[in-house]
Amino acid sequence: MHPIWRSLPLILLLMLLTRSGALYAEQTQIIAHPGVPVSYLSFQQLKAIFTSKQSVWPTGERISLFVLPASHPLQKAFCAEQMRLYCYQLERSWQRLLYSGFGTPPQQVEDERQLVQKVASTPGAIGFARKDYVDTQIKIIRVR
């Protein structure tokens, strides 16, 4: 038997896992509290908000950022697809701001359901969730 045939199951499994991660990310939406004054963000604005470099909305209201643990599949997909970063790079930027005294890291929640609840109930809040978890109490923010 040719060696390539022995590794075929592994190759197929890796292809399936890679594709399912992409599907997971394609369903991700940026969500915000209904009172947030924007409906669209540029990629640069999104990155500034999620790296805690932008801490207030254009109206001066403080931004409350909610995220999932770095090990959560949706957090990994969000970092890769939306932020174009590895999760450790994002966490490193939060730690740098915290230790320098110029910012605070985002509030981490256990799961998507809790993230959506926190965003819906916290003025100025932003986060992300799969389309399945988004309800009418949440504002969808489009990224241009």
C-alpha atoms as a PDB file:
ATOM      1  CA  MET A   1       0.000   0.000   0.000  1.00  0.00           C
ATOM      2  CA  HIS A   2       1.320   3.411  -0.966  1.00  0.00           C
ATOM      3  CA  PRO A   3       2.136   5.686   2.062  1.00  0.00           C
ATOM      4  CA  ILE A   4      -0.276   8.386   0.891  1.00  0.00           C
ATOM      5  CA  TRP A   5      -3.224   6.004   1.328  1.00  0.00           C
ATOM      6  CA  ARG A   6      -2.276   5.378   4.951  1.00  0.00           C
ATOM      7  CA  SER A   7      -2.433   9.097   5.727  1.00  0.00           C
ATOM      8  CA  LEU A   8      -5.630   9.723   3.754  1.00  0.00           C
ATOM      9  CA  PRO A   9      -7.968   9.398   6.790  1.00  0.00           C
ATOM     10  CA  LEU A  10      -5.869  11.973   8.657  1.00  0.00           C
ATOM     11  CA  ILE A  11      -5.869  14.336   5.676  1.00  0.00           C
ATOM     12  CA  LEU A  12      -9.640  14.028   5.316  1.00  0.00           C
ATOM     13  CA  LEU A  13     -10.146  14.654   9.037  1.00  0.00           C
ATOM     14  CA  LEU A  14      -7.969  17.784   8.929  1.00  0.00           C
ATOM     15  CA  MET A  15      -9.867  19.086   5.905  1.00  0.00           C
ATOM     16  CA  LEU A  16     -13.178  18.513   7.673  1.00  0.00           C
ATOM     17  CA  LEU A  17     -12.014  20.247  10.867  1.00  0.00           C
ATOM     18  CA  THR A  18     -10.635  23.217   8.934  1.00  0.00           C
ATOM     19  CA  ARG A  19     -13.860  23.636   6.982  1.00  0.00           C
ATOM     20  CA  SER A  20     -16.088  23.335  10.070  1.00  0.00           C
ATOM     21  CA  GLY A  21     -14.062  26.073  11.789  1.00  0.00           C
ATOM     22  CA  ALA A  22     -14.593  28.333   8.804  1.00  0.00           C
ATOM     23  CA  LEU A  23     -18.336  27.684   8.864  1.00  0.00           C
ATOM     24  CA  TYR A  24     -18.361  28.470  12.567  1.00  0.00           C
ATOM     25  CA  ALA A  25     -16.746  31.845  11.934  1.00  0.00           C
ATOM     26  CA  GLU A  26     -18.933  32.664   8.941  1.00  0.00           C
ATOM     27  CA  GLN A  27     -21.908  32.656  11.282  1.00  0.00           C
ATOM     28  CA  THR A  28     -20.318  35.133  13.700  1.00  0.00           C
ATOM     29  CA  GLN A  29     -21.908  38.546  14.133  1.00  0.00           C
ATOM     30  CA  ILE A  30     -20.656  41.615  15.958  1.00  0.00           C
ATOM     31  CA  ILE A  31     -23.330  42.490  18.510  1.00  0.00           C
ATOM     32  CA  ALA A  32     -23.898  45.549  20.669  1.00  0.00           C
ATOM     33  CA  HIS A  33     -26.285  47.002  23.221  1.00  0.00           C
ATOM     34  CA  PRO A  34     -29.279  48.590  21.418  1.00  0.00           C
ATOM     35  CA  GLY A  35     -28.223  52.045  22.651  1.00  0.00           C
ATOM     36  CA  VAL A  36     -24.812  51.931  20.960  1.00  0.00           C
ATOM     37  CA  PRO A  37     -24.700  54.912  18.563  1.00  0.00           C
ATOM     38  CA  VAL A  38     -23.172  53.115  15.550  1.00  0.00           C
ATOM     39  CA  SER A  39     -24.485  50.566  13.065  1.00  0.00           C
ATOM     40  CA  TYR A  40     -21.273  50.119  11.060  1.00  0.00           C
ATOM     41  CA  LEU A  41     -17.589  49.835  11.939  1.00  0.00           C
ATOM     42  CA  SER A  42     -14.564  49.754   9.705  1.00  0.00           C
ATOM     43  CA  PHE A  43     -12.113  46.907  10.202  1.00  0.00           C
ATOM     44  CA  GLN A  44      -9.701  49.395  11.801  1.00  0.00           C
ATOM     45  CA  GLN A  45     -12.366  50.580  14.260  1.00  0.00           C
ATOM     46  CA  LEU A  46     -13.309  46.983  15.111  1.00  0.00           C
ATOM     47  CA  LYS A  47      -9.670  46.128  15.744  1.00  0.00           C
ATOM     48  CA  ALA A  48      -9.171  49.260  17.862  1.00  0.00           C
ATOM     49  CA  ILE A  49     -12.210  48.389  19.992  1.00  0.00           C
ATOM     50  CA  PHE A  50     -11.309  44.714  20.470  1.00  0.00           C
ATOM     51  CA  THR A  51      -7.680  45.506  21.285  1.00  0.00           C
ATOM     52  CA  SER A  52      -8.941  48.075  23.842  1.00  0.00           C
ATOM     53  CA  LYS A  53      -7.235  50.959  22.041  1.00  0.00           C
ATOM     54  CA  GLN A  54     -10.615  52.657  21.558  1.00  0.00           C
ATOM     55  CA  SER A  55     -12.481  52.796  24.867  1.00  0.00           C
ATOM     56  CA  VAL A  56     -15.339  55.216  24.121  1.00  0.00           C
ATOM     57  CA  TRP A  57     -18.049  55.522  21.471  1.00  0.00           C
ATOM     58  CA  PRO A  58     -18.296  58.717  19.373  1.00  0.00           C
ATOM     59  CA  THR A  59     -20.823  60.076  21.911  1.00  0.00           C
ATOM     60  CA  GLY A  60     -18.297  59.705  24.734  1.00  0.00           C
ATOM     61  CA  GLU A  61     -20.050  56.684  26.274  1.00  0.00           C
ATOM     62  CA  ARG A  62     -17.643  54.078  27.639  1.00  0.00           C
ATOM     63  CA  ILE A  63     -17.282  50.841  25.650  1.00  0.00           C
ATOM     64  CA  SER A  64     -17.799  47.610  27.618  1.00  0.00           C
ATOM     65  CA  LEU A  65     -16.167  44.727  25.798  1.00  0.00           C
ATOM     66  CA  PHE A  66     -17.256  41.116  26.359  1.00  0.00           C
ATOM     67  CA  VAL A  67     -15.361  38.075  25.051  1.00  0.00           C
ATOM     68  CA  LEU A  68     -15.207  34.298  25.475  1.00  0.00           C
ATOM     69  CA  PRO A  69     -12.269  32.312  26.896  1.00  0.00           C
ATOM     70  CA  ALA A  70      -9.342  31.953  24.470  1.00  0.00           C
ATOM     71  CA  SER A  71      -9.922  28.189  24.345  1.00  0.00           C
ATOM     72  CA  HIS A  72     -13.537  28.575  23.148  1.00  0.00           C
ATOM     73  CA  PRO A  73     -13.907  27.593  19.442  1.00  0.00           C
ATOM     74  CA  LEU A  74     -15.916  30.719  18.660  1.00  0.00           C
ATOM     75  CA  GLN A  75     -13.256  32.968  20.245  1.00  0.00           C
ATOM     76  CA  LYS A  76     -10.617  31.276  18.098  1.00  0.00           C
ATOM     77  CA  ALA A  77     -12.743  31.649  14.972  1.00  0.00           C
ATOM     78  CA  PHE A  78     -13.491  35.299  15.780  1.00  0.00           C
ATOM     79  CA  CYS A  79      -9.805  36.094  16.289  1.00  0.00           C
ATOM     80  CA  ALA A  80      -8.800  34.409  13.048  1.00  0.00           C
ATOM     81  CA  GLU A  81     -11.615  35.536  10.767  1.00  0.00           C
ATOM     82  CA  GLN A  82     -12.696  38.940  12.103  1.00  0.00           C
ATOM     83  CA  MET A  83      -9.538  40.206  13.795  1.00  0.00           C
ATOM     84  CA  ARG A  84      -6.967  38.424  11.605  1.00  0.00           C
ATOM     85  CA  LEU A  85      -4.958  37.628  14.731  1.00  0.00           C
ATOM     86  CA  TYR A  86      -4.214  34.631  16.911  1.00  0.00           C
ATOM     87  CA  CYS A  87      -6.000  34.661  20.267  1.00  0.00           C
ATOM     88  CA  TYR A  88      -2.684  34.912  22.110  1.00  0.00           C
ATOM     89  CA  GLN A  89      -1.858  38.105  20.171  1.00  0.00           C
ATOM     90  CA  LEU A  90      -5.155  39.664  21.211  1.00  0.00           C
ATOM     91  CA  GLU A  91      -4.646  38.644  24.843  1.00  0.00           C
ATOM     92  CA  ARG A  92      -1.108  40.023  24.751  1.00  0.00           C
ATOM     93  CA  SER A  93      -2.439  43.439  23.671  1.00  0.00           C
ATOM     94  CA  TRP A  94      -4.905  43.399  26.609  1.00  0.00           C
ATOM     95  CA  GLN A  95      -2.146  42.449  29.063  1.00  0.00           C
ATOM     96  CA  ARG A  96       0.118  45.222  27.751  1.00  0.00           C
ATOM     97  CA  LEU A  97      -2.600  47.838  28.362  1.00  0.00           C
ATOM     98  CA  LEU A  98      -3.399  46.425  31.804  1.00  0.00           C
ATOM     99  CA  TYR A  99       0.222  46.333  32.993  1.00  0.00           C
ATOM    100  CA  SER A 100       0.990  49.758  31.565  1.00  0.00           C
ATOM    101  CA  GLY A 101      -2.007  51.231  33.390  1.00  0.00           C
ATOM    102  CA  PHE A 102      -3.578  52.564  30.197  1.00  0.00           C
ATOM    103  CA  GLY A 103      -6.540  50.214  29.954  1.00  0.00           C
ATOM    104  CA  THR A 104      -8.448  47.258  31.219  1.00  0.00           C
ATOM    105  CA  PRO A 105      -8.943  43.882  29.578  1.00  0.00           C
ATOM    106  CA  PRO A 106     -12.407  42.900  28.357  1.00  0.00           C
ATOM    107  CA  GLN A 107     -14.827  41.076  30.597  1.00  0.00           C
ATOM    108  CA  GLN A 108     -14.658  37.345  29.946  1.00  0.00           C
ATOM    109  CA  VAL A 109     -17.836  35.256  30.123  1.00  0.00           C
ATOM    110  CA  GLU A 110     -18.346  31.486  30.150  1.00  0.00           C
ATOM    111  CA  ASP A 111     -20.452  30.937  27.025  1.00  0.00           C
ATOM    112  CA  GLU A 112     -22.280  32.642  24.169  1.00  0.00           C
ATOM    113  CA  ARG A 113     -25.621  32.776  25.938  1.00  0.00           C
ATOM    114  CA  GLN A 114     -24.080  34.691  28.850  1.00  0.00           C
ATOM    115  CA  LEU A 115     -22.206  36.957  26.428  1.00  0.00           C
ATOM    116  CA  VAL A 116     -25.420  37.909  24.625  1.00  0.00           C
ATOM    117  CA  GLN A 117     -27.198  38.542  27.953  1.00  0.00           C
ATOM    118  CA  LYS A 118     -24.359  40.763  29.193  1.00  0.00           C
ATOM    119  CA  VAL A 119     -24.222  42.771  25.961  1.00  0.00           C
ATOM    120  CA  ALA A 120     -28.020  43.211  25.958  1.00  0.00           C
ATOM    121  CA  SER A 121     -28.065  44.458  29.544  1.00  0.00           C
ATOM    122  CA  THR A 122     -24.906  46.633  29.608  1.00  0.00           C
ATOM    123  CA  PRO A 123     -25.081  50.126  28.047  1.00  0.00           C
ATOM    124  CA  GLY A 124     -22.203  50.686  25.612  1.00  0.00           C
ATOM    125  CA  ALA A 125     -21.443  46.968  25.364  1.00  0.00           C
ATOM    126  CA  ILE A 126     -20.055  45.132  22.344  1.00  0.00           C
ATOM    127  CA  GLY A 127     -19.180  41.504  21.695  1.00  0.00           C
ATOM    128  CA  PHE A 128     -19.782  38.756  19.169  1.00  0.00           C
ATOM    129  CA  ALA A 129     -21.949  35.672  18.864  1.00  0.00           C
ATOM    130  CA  ARG A 130     -23.183  33.179  16.307  1.00  0.00           C
ATOM    131  CA  LYS A 131     -26.338  34.114  14.439  1.00  0.00           C
ATOM    132  CA  ASP A 132     -28.179  31.379  16.361  1.00  0.00           C
ATOM    133  CA  TYR A 133     -27.743  33.305  19.628  1.00  0.00           C
ATOM    134  CA  VAL A 134     -28.668  36.755  18.356  1.00  0.00           C
ATOM    135  CA  ASP A 135     -32.131  37.988  19.341  1.00  0.00           C
ATOM    136  CA  THR A 136     -34.177  41.147  18.959  1.00  0.00           C
ATOM    137  CA  GLN A 137     -32.721  42.702  22.127  1.00  0.00           C
ATOM    138  CA  ILE A 138     -29.331  43.015  20.439  1.00  0.00           C
ATOM    139  CA  LYS A 139     -28.061  45.437  17.811  1.00  0.00           C
ATOM    140  CA  ILE A 140     -26.103  43.928  14.931  1.00  0.00           C
ATOM    141  CA  ILE A 141     -23.012  45.915  13.946  1.00  0.00           C
ATOM    142  CA  ARG A 142     -21.867  45.509  10.354  1.00  0.00           C
ATOM    143  CA  VAL A 143     -18.171  45.614   9.505  1.00  0.00           C
ATOM    144  CA  ARG A 144     -17.228  47.359   6.261  1.00  0.00           C
END
